[in-house]
Amino acid sequence: MSSPEPIDKSDQVPSQLDQPRSGDKHQRILDAAVQVIAEHGFFNARVSEIASRAGVADGTVYLYFKNKDHILREAIDTAFRNFFDRAKQEIQTVSSARMQLELLARLHLETLAAHRNLAIVMQTEVRQSARFIAEFSHQHLVDYLNLVREVIRLGQEQGLFREDISDRLVAHCMFGALDEMVSSWVFTGRPFDPDKIASAVMNLIFSGIETSRENA
């Protein structure tokens, strides 16, 4: 697999994790870590550079984190918590399961499109390491899939989606398609419009899961 294209320096530390920039050193270290790891890779990223980007002394990093693994884990946990908090809030604004899935797909892509460094870390450092998957991201993926499965089951109750489909299979298909779109953007640098891609992906999925009444 080819290496990601060089990082755009305009995508700097400000709010890689969807939180407002503040004087909080803990958050500044997390933001800086995502940037440095995206640029250099996890194993080549130095704590001293993370500290420098965050504007703190090297020793300050260890007041908040045990080691570099701990920093990455906390950065990923924070990103997912922010995503889930926003996702759960937004899907409550619409009652249709179809619209809820569309919201989730768009939010998935918009979140990573707005934070390229975070996308690079998620698609390279986390996905290519069995240890990171096992220790850091497995439960987050399960939570994501379960949220989608809940919406699929709601759609079946509403008569929108076929009752003979597996909510688990649909959730994996949805995540896999969206995840592949992010990977393509990260590794090729091709133009990326989250709204258009989310709409195209979900239209394909809906064509397979909607009832004949909806497809008519």
Protein backbone atom coordinates (compact mmCIF):
# COMPACT_ATOMS: atom_id res chain seq x y z
CA MET A 1 0.00 0.00 0.00
CA SER A 2 1.35 3.40 -0.92
CA SER A 3 2.16 6.00 1.70
CA PRO A 4 -0.27 8.86 2.32
CA GLU A 5 0.44 12.08 0.46
CA PRO A 6 2.36 14.76 2.39
CA ILE A 7 0.35 16.47 5.06
CA ASP A 8 -1.02 19.88 4.23
CA LYS A 9 0.57 22.16 6.80
CA SER A 10 -2.62 24.20 6.89
CA ASP A 11 -4.20 21.23 8.69
CA GLN A 12 -2.51 22.06 11.93
CA VAL A 13 -3.23 21.28 15.54
CA PRO A 14 -6.50 23.23 15.95
CA SER A 15 -9.16 20.77 16.97
CA GLN A 16 -8.28 17.48 15.35
CA LEU A 17 -10.70 15.87 17.76
CA ASP A 18 -13.71 18.09 17.24
CA GLN A 19 -13.25 20.07 20.42
CA PRO A 20 -12.64 23.82 20.66
CA ARG A 21 -9.04 24.93 21.07
CA SER A 22 -8.42 26.07 24.59
CA GLY A 23 -5.63 26.42 27.10
CA ASP A 24 -6.16 22.85 28.24
CA LYS A 25 -2.77 21.15 28.01
CA HIS A 26 -4.26 17.68 27.97
CA GLN A 27 -6.29 18.43 24.84
CA ARG A 28 -3.42 20.30 23.17
CA ILE A 29 -1.21 17.25 23.61
CA LEU A 30 -3.85 15.00 22.06
CA ASP A 31 -4.28 17.33 19.10
CA ALA A 32 -0.53 17.59 18.59
CA ALA A 33 -0.09 13.82 18.84
CA VAL A 34 -2.62 13.21 16.05
CA GLN A 35 -0.77 15.68 13.84
CA VAL A 36 2.72 14.29 14.52
CA ILE A 37 1.64 10.64 14.19
CA ALA A 38 -0.14 11.43 10.91
CA GLU A 39 3.03 13.03 9.56
CA HIS A 40 5.63 10.54 10.77
CA GLY A 41 3.81 7.35 11.70
CA PHE A 42 3.36 6.06 15.23
CA PHE A 43 6.75 4.43 15.67
CA ASN A 44 8.68 7.39 14.27
CA ALA A 45 6.70 10.00 16.17
CA ARG A 46 8.71 11.44 19.06
CA VAL A 47 7.18 12.57 22.33
CA SER A 48 9.51 15.58 22.26
CA GLU A 49 7.98 16.73 18.97
CA ILE A 50 4.47 16.17 20.28
CA ALA A 51 5.35 18.31 23.28
CA SER A 52 6.81 21.01 21.05
CA ARG A 53 3.72 21.14 18.83
CA ALA A 54 1.51 21.31 21.92
CA GLY A 55 3.60 24.12 23.37
CA VAL A 56 4.54 22.25 26.55
CA ALA A 57 7.71 20.85 28.06
CA ASP A 58 8.57 17.20 27.41
CA GLY A 59 8.03 16.34 31.06
CA THR A 60 4.55 17.84 31.00
CA VAL A 61 3.41 15.14 28.58
CA TYR A 62 4.18 12.48 31.19
CA LEU A 63 2.09 14.28 33.77
CA TYR A 64 -0.94 13.38 31.67
CA PHE A 65 0.09 10.21 29.83
CA LYS A 66 2.17 7.13 30.66
CA ASN A 67 3.66 6.77 27.20
CA LYS A 68 3.03 7.27 23.48
CA ASP A 69 0.61 4.32 23.35
CA HIS A 70 -1.46 5.96 26.05
CA ILE A 71 -1.57 9.23 24.10
CA LEU A 72 -2.78 7.52 20.93
CA ARG A 73 -5.39 5.51 22.78
CA GLU A 74 -6.77 8.60 24.49
CA ALA A 75 -6.81 10.51 21.18
CA ILE A 76 -8.81 7.74 19.52
CA ASP A 77 -11.16 7.36 22.49
CA THR A 78 -11.80 11.10 22.50
CA ALA A 79 -12.51 11.19 18.78
CA PHE A 80 -14.99 8.33 19.02
CA ARG A 81 -16.71 9.76 22.09
CA ASN A 82 -17.22 13.04 20.28
CA PHE A 83 -18.55 11.24 17.21
CA PHE A 84 -21.01 9.10 19.17
CA ASP A 85 -22.23 11.99 21.28
CA ARG A 86 -22.97 14.02 18.16
CA ALA A 87 -24.40 11.06 16.22
CA LYS A 88 -26.83 10.05 18.97
CA GLN A 89 -27.96 13.64 19.36
CA GLU A 90 -28.48 14.25 15.64
CA ILE A 91 -30.40 11.07 14.84
CA GLN A 92 -32.92 12.00 17.51
CA THR A 93 -33.88 15.01 15.39
CA VAL A 94 -35.51 12.80 12.74
CA SER A 95 -37.93 9.91 13.14
CA SER A 96 -37.41 8.07 9.86
CA ALA A 97 -34.84 5.28 10.01
CA ARG A 98 -33.85 6.07 6.43
CA MET A 99 -33.01 9.66 7.35
CA GLN A 100 -31.16 8.48 10.45
CA LEU A 101 -28.89 6.27 8.36
CA GLU A 102 -28.28 9.14 5.95
CA LEU A 103 -27.31 11.36 8.88
CA LEU A 104 -24.91 8.74 10.25
CA ALA A 105 -23.25 8.24 6.87
CA ARG A 106 -22.82 11.95 6.28
CA LEU A 107 -21.49 12.54 9.80
CA HIS A 108 -19.03 9.64 9.40
CA LEU A 109 -17.51 11.19 6.29
CA GLU A 110 -17.78 14.84 7.35
CA THR A 111 -15.96 14.18 10.62
CA LEU A 112 -12.94 12.64 8.94
CA ALA A 113 -12.99 15.01 5.96
CA ALA A 114 -12.76 17.93 8.38
CA HIS A 115 -9.80 16.34 10.19
CA ARG A 116 -7.45 14.82 7.64
CA ASN A 117 -4.72 14.05 10.17
CA LEU A 118 -7.18 12.07 12.26
CA ALA A 119 -8.32 10.22 9.14
CA ILE A 120 -4.73 9.29 8.31
CA VAL A 121 -4.12 7.98 11.82
CA MET A 122 -7.33 5.94 11.75
CA GLN A 123 -6.76 4.48 8.28
CA THR A 124 -3.05 3.71 8.69
CA GLU A 125 -1.74 3.45 12.23
CA VAL A 126 -4.86 1.93 13.75
CA ARG A 127 -6.14 -0.26 10.90
CA GLN A 128 -2.75 -1.72 9.99
CA SER A 129 -1.88 -2.77 13.53
CA ALA A 130 -3.56 -5.86 14.99
CA ARG A 131 -2.58 -4.69 18.46
CA PHE A 132 -4.17 -1.27 18.03
CA ILE A 133 -7.33 -2.87 16.68
CA ALA A 134 -7.51 -5.28 19.59
CA GLU A 135 -6.65 -2.76 22.31
CA PHE A 136 -7.90 0.58 21.04
CA SER A 137 -10.60 0.46 18.42
CA HIS A 138 -12.45 -2.87 18.53
CA GLN A 139 -15.06 -1.77 21.06
CA HIS A 140 -15.58 1.52 19.24
CA LEU A 141 -16.27 -0.38 16.02
CA VAL A 142 -18.71 -2.65 17.84
CA ASP A 143 -20.51 0.42 19.22
CA TYR A 144 -20.70 1.95 15.74
CA LEU A 145 -22.10 -1.22 14.21
CA ASN A 146 -24.61 -1.65 17.03
CA LEU A 147 -25.88 1.89 16.53
CA VAL A 148 -26.44 1.22 12.83
CA ARG A 149 -28.10 -2.11 13.64
CA GLU A 150 -30.53 -0.37 15.97
CA VAL A 151 -31.52 2.01 13.17
CA ILE A 152 -31.94 -0.89 10.71
CA ARG A 153 -34.26 -2.65 13.15
CA LEU A 154 -36.20 0.58 13.60
CA GLY A 155 -36.58 0.79 9.82
CA GLN A 156 -37.93 -2.74 9.75
CA GLU A 157 -40.45 -1.84 12.44
CA GLN A 158 -41.46 1.21 10.41
CA GLY A 159 -41.96 -0.94 7.33
CA LEU A 160 -39.22 0.88 5.44
CA PHE A 161 -36.67 -1.94 5.29
CA ARG A 162 -37.13 -5.57 4.37
CA GLU A 163 -37.71 -7.87 7.31
CA ASP A 164 -35.69 -10.70 5.74
CA ILE A 165 -32.37 -8.82 5.80
CA SER A 166 -29.73 -9.13 8.51
CA ASP A 167 -29.20 -5.87 10.41
CA ARG A 168 -25.67 -7.09 11.20
CA LEU A 169 -24.84 -7.62 7.53
CA VAL A 170 -26.21 -4.24 6.51
CA ALA A 171 -24.25 -2.49 9.27
CA HIS A 172 -21.00 -4.11 8.13
CA CYS A 173 -21.72 -3.24 4.49
CA MET A 174 -22.44 0.37 5.36
CA PHE A 175 -19.34 0.80 7.49
CA GLY A 176 -17.15 -1.02 4.98
CA ALA A 177 -18.29 1.13 2.06
CA LEU A 178 -17.84 4.41 3.94
CA ASP A 179 -14.51 3.30 5.36
CA GLU A 180 -13.23 2.41 1.88
CA MET A 181 -14.19 5.87 0.61
CA VAL A 182 -12.14 7.45 3.39
CA SER A 183 -9.19 5.18 2.64
CA SER A 184 -9.31 6.09 -1.04
CA TRP A 185 -9.25 9.78 -0.17
CA VAL A 186 -6.39 9.37 2.31
CA PHE A 187 -4.16 7.34 0.02
CA THR A 188 -4.90 8.96 -3.34
CA GLY A 189 -5.77 12.53 -2.44
CA ARG A 190 -8.64 12.55 -4.93
CA PRO A 191 -11.37 15.18 -4.45
CA PHE A 192 -13.65 14.23 -1.57
CA ASP A 193 -17.19 15.56 -1.14
CA PRO A 194 -18.64 13.96 2.01
CA ASP A 195 -22.26 14.83 1.21
CA LYS A 196 -22.18 13.46 -2.34
CA ILE A 197 -20.29 10.31 -1.40
CA ALA A 198 -22.53 9.60 1.60
CA SER A 199 -25.61 10.03 -0.59
CA ALA A 200 -24.24 7.74 -3.32
CA VAL A 201 -23.23 5.01 -0.86
CA MET A 202 -26.54 5.07 0.97
CA ASN A 203 -28.56 5.04 -2.25
CA LEU A 204 -26.82 1.79 -3.18
CA ILE A 205 -27.54 0.31 0.23
CA PHE A 206 -31.15 1.48 0.25
CA SER A 207 -31.71 -0.11 -3.16
CA GLY A 208 -30.98 -3.45 -1.55
CA ILE A 209 -32.75 -3.12 1.78
CA GLU A 210 -35.85 -1.01 1.20
CA THR A 211 -39.23 -2.64 0.87
CA SER A 212 -40.88 -2.86 -2.53
CA ARG A 213 -43.27 -0.15 -1.37
CA GLU A 214 -40.35 2.21 -0.90
CA ASN A 215 -38.69 1.21 -4.17
CA ALA A 216 -41.88 1.55 -6.19
